[in-house]
């Protein structure tokens, strides 16, 4: 990952990439996409509020819902 995180969540997307969200990080509400096929990681728009201990659920249509946890 580009940013160190504690308390984050990761979920595999329909295209095989891994979305990493939340957690305590020095970079605010960032999120990252990890592509294991190419070995690359890129920063993407994160949630509006930084949180730890949340859930990340992927729906069949590819959308991801972040719920719960505590804000930091």
C-alpha atoms as a PDB file:
ATOM      1  CA  UNK A   1       0.000   0.000   0.000  1.00  0.00           C
ATOM      2  CA  UNK A   2       1.039   3.573  -0.560  1.00  0.00           C
ATOM      3  CA  UNK A   3      -0.156   4.716   2.880  1.00  0.00           C
ATOM      4  CA  UNK A   4       0.326   2.878   6.172  1.00  0.00           C
ATOM      5  CA  UNK A   5      -3.040   1.986   7.749  1.00  0.00           C
ATOM      6  CA  UNK A   6      -4.404   0.458  10.942  1.00  0.00           C
ATOM      7  CA  UNK A   7      -8.054  -0.623  11.248  1.00  0.00           C
ATOM      8  CA  UNK A   8      -8.759  -0.472   7.504  1.00  0.00           C
ATOM      9  CA  UNK A   9     -10.911  -2.764   5.370  1.00  0.00           C
ATOM     10  CA  UNK A  10     -10.223  -4.382   2.022  1.00  0.00           C
ATOM     11  CA  UNK A  11     -12.714  -5.801  -0.468  1.00  0.00           C
ATOM     12  CA  UNK A  12     -12.133  -7.462  -3.848  1.00  0.00           C
ATOM     13  CA  UNK A  13     -13.991  -5.725  -6.673  1.00  0.00           C
ATOM     14  CA  UNK A  14     -15.680  -7.379  -9.656  1.00  0.00           C
ATOM     15  CA  UNK A  15     -12.664  -6.634 -11.876  1.00  0.00           C
ATOM     16  CA  UNK A  16     -10.264  -8.358  -9.444  1.00  0.00           C
ATOM     17  CA  UNK A  17      -8.742  -5.211  -7.970  1.00  0.00           C
ATOM     18  CA  UNK A  18      -8.754  -4.716  -4.202  1.00  0.00           C
ATOM     19  CA  UNK A  19     -10.252  -1.571  -2.672  1.00  0.00           C
ATOM     20  CA  UNK A  20      -8.632  -0.570   0.637  1.00  0.00           C
ATOM     21  CA  UNK A  21     -10.540   2.012   2.668  1.00  0.00           C
ATOM     22  CA  UNK A  22     -10.397   3.738   5.995  1.00  0.00           C
ATOM     23  CA  UNK A  23      -8.149   3.062   8.897  1.00  0.00           C
ATOM     24  CA  UNK A  24      -5.920   5.381  10.808  1.00  0.00           C
ATOM     25  CA  UNK A  25      -3.565   7.037   8.358  1.00  0.00           C
ATOM     26  CA  UNK A  26      -1.728  10.307   8.164  1.00  0.00           C
ATOM     27  CA  UNK A  27      -3.404  10.956   4.818  1.00  0.00           C
ATOM     28  CA  UNK A  28      -6.997  11.568   5.923  1.00  0.00           C
ATOM     29  CA  UNK A  29      -9.811   9.851   4.083  1.00  0.00           C
ATOM     30  CA  UNK A  30      -7.805   8.296   1.282  1.00  0.00           C
ATOM     31  CA  UNK A  31      -8.587   4.970  -0.337  1.00  0.00           C
ATOM     32  CA  UNK A  32      -6.395   2.815  -2.556  1.00  0.00           C
ATOM     33  CA  UNK A  33      -6.895   0.374  -5.411  1.00  0.00           C
ATOM     34  CA  UNK A  34      -4.474  -2.533  -5.531  1.00  0.00           C
ATOM     35  CA  UNK A  35      -4.074  -4.451  -8.802  1.00  0.00           C
ATOM     36  CA  UNK A  36      -2.336  -7.731  -8.012  1.00  0.00           C
ATOM     37  CA  UNK A  37      -1.979  -8.609 -11.709  1.00  0.00           C
ATOM     38  CA  UNK A  38       0.207  -5.587 -12.443  1.00  0.00           C
ATOM     39  CA  UNK A  39       1.617  -5.062  -8.953  1.00  0.00           C
ATOM     40  CA  UNK A  40       0.415  -1.471  -8.888  1.00  0.00           C
ATOM     41  CA  UNK A  41      -1.384   0.579  -6.251  1.00  0.00           C
ATOM     42  CA  UNK A  42      -3.052   3.927  -6.848  1.00  0.00           C
ATOM     43  CA  UNK A  43      -4.818   6.389  -4.608  1.00  0.00           C
ATOM     44  CA  UNK A  44      -8.513   7.031  -5.304  1.00  0.00           C
ATOM     45  CA  UNK A  45     -11.227   9.178  -3.728  1.00  0.00           C
ATOM     46  CA  UNK A  46     -11.989   7.912  -0.248  1.00  0.00           C
ATOM     47  CA  UNK A  47     -14.988   8.118   2.050  1.00  0.00           C
ATOM     48  CA  UNK A  48     -16.127  11.506   3.329  1.00  0.00           C
ATOM     49  CA  UNK A  49     -15.239  10.629   6.930  1.00  0.00           C
ATOM     50  CA  UNK A  50     -12.129   8.808   8.148  1.00  0.00           C
ATOM     51  CA  UNK A  51     -13.168   5.694  10.082  1.00  0.00           C
ATOM     52  CA  UNK A  52     -11.806   2.497  11.609  1.00  0.00           C
ATOM     53  CA  UNK A  53     -13.515  -0.803  12.387  1.00  0.00           C
ATOM     54  CA  UNK A  54     -16.139  -0.400   9.651  1.00  0.00           C
ATOM     55  CA  UNK A  55     -17.449  -3.018   7.231  1.00  0.00           C
ATOM     56  CA  UNK A  56     -16.996  -2.973   3.465  1.00  0.00           C
ATOM     57  CA  UNK A  57     -19.577  -4.956   1.493  1.00  0.00           C
ATOM     58  CA  UNK A  58     -19.461  -5.424  -2.285  1.00  0.00           C
ATOM     59  CA  UNK A  59     -22.787  -5.794  -4.067  1.00  0.00           C
ATOM     60  CA  UNK A  60     -23.343  -7.732  -7.302  1.00  0.00           C
ATOM     61  CA  UNK A  61     -23.427  -4.499  -9.301  1.00  0.00           C
ATOM     62  CA  UNK A  62     -19.882  -3.689  -8.112  1.00  0.00           C
ATOM     63  CA  UNK A  63     -20.758  -0.910  -5.679  1.00  0.00           C
ATOM     64  CA  UNK A  64     -19.234  -0.994  -2.207  1.00  0.00           C
ATOM     65  CA  UNK A  65     -21.058   0.042   0.965  1.00  0.00           C
ATOM     66  CA  UNK A  66     -19.042   1.188   4.004  1.00  0.00           C
ATOM     67  CA  UNK A  67     -20.968   0.986   7.278  1.00  0.00           C
ATOM     68  CA  UNK A  68     -20.280   1.483  10.960  1.00  0.00           C
ATOM     69  CA  UNK A  69     -16.990   1.800  12.719  1.00  0.00           C
ATOM     70  CA  UNK A  70     -15.838   4.870  14.552  1.00  0.00           C
ATOM     71  CA  UNK A  71     -14.576   8.149  13.167  1.00  0.00           C
ATOM     72  CA  UNK A  72     -11.031   9.203  13.926  1.00  0.00           C
END
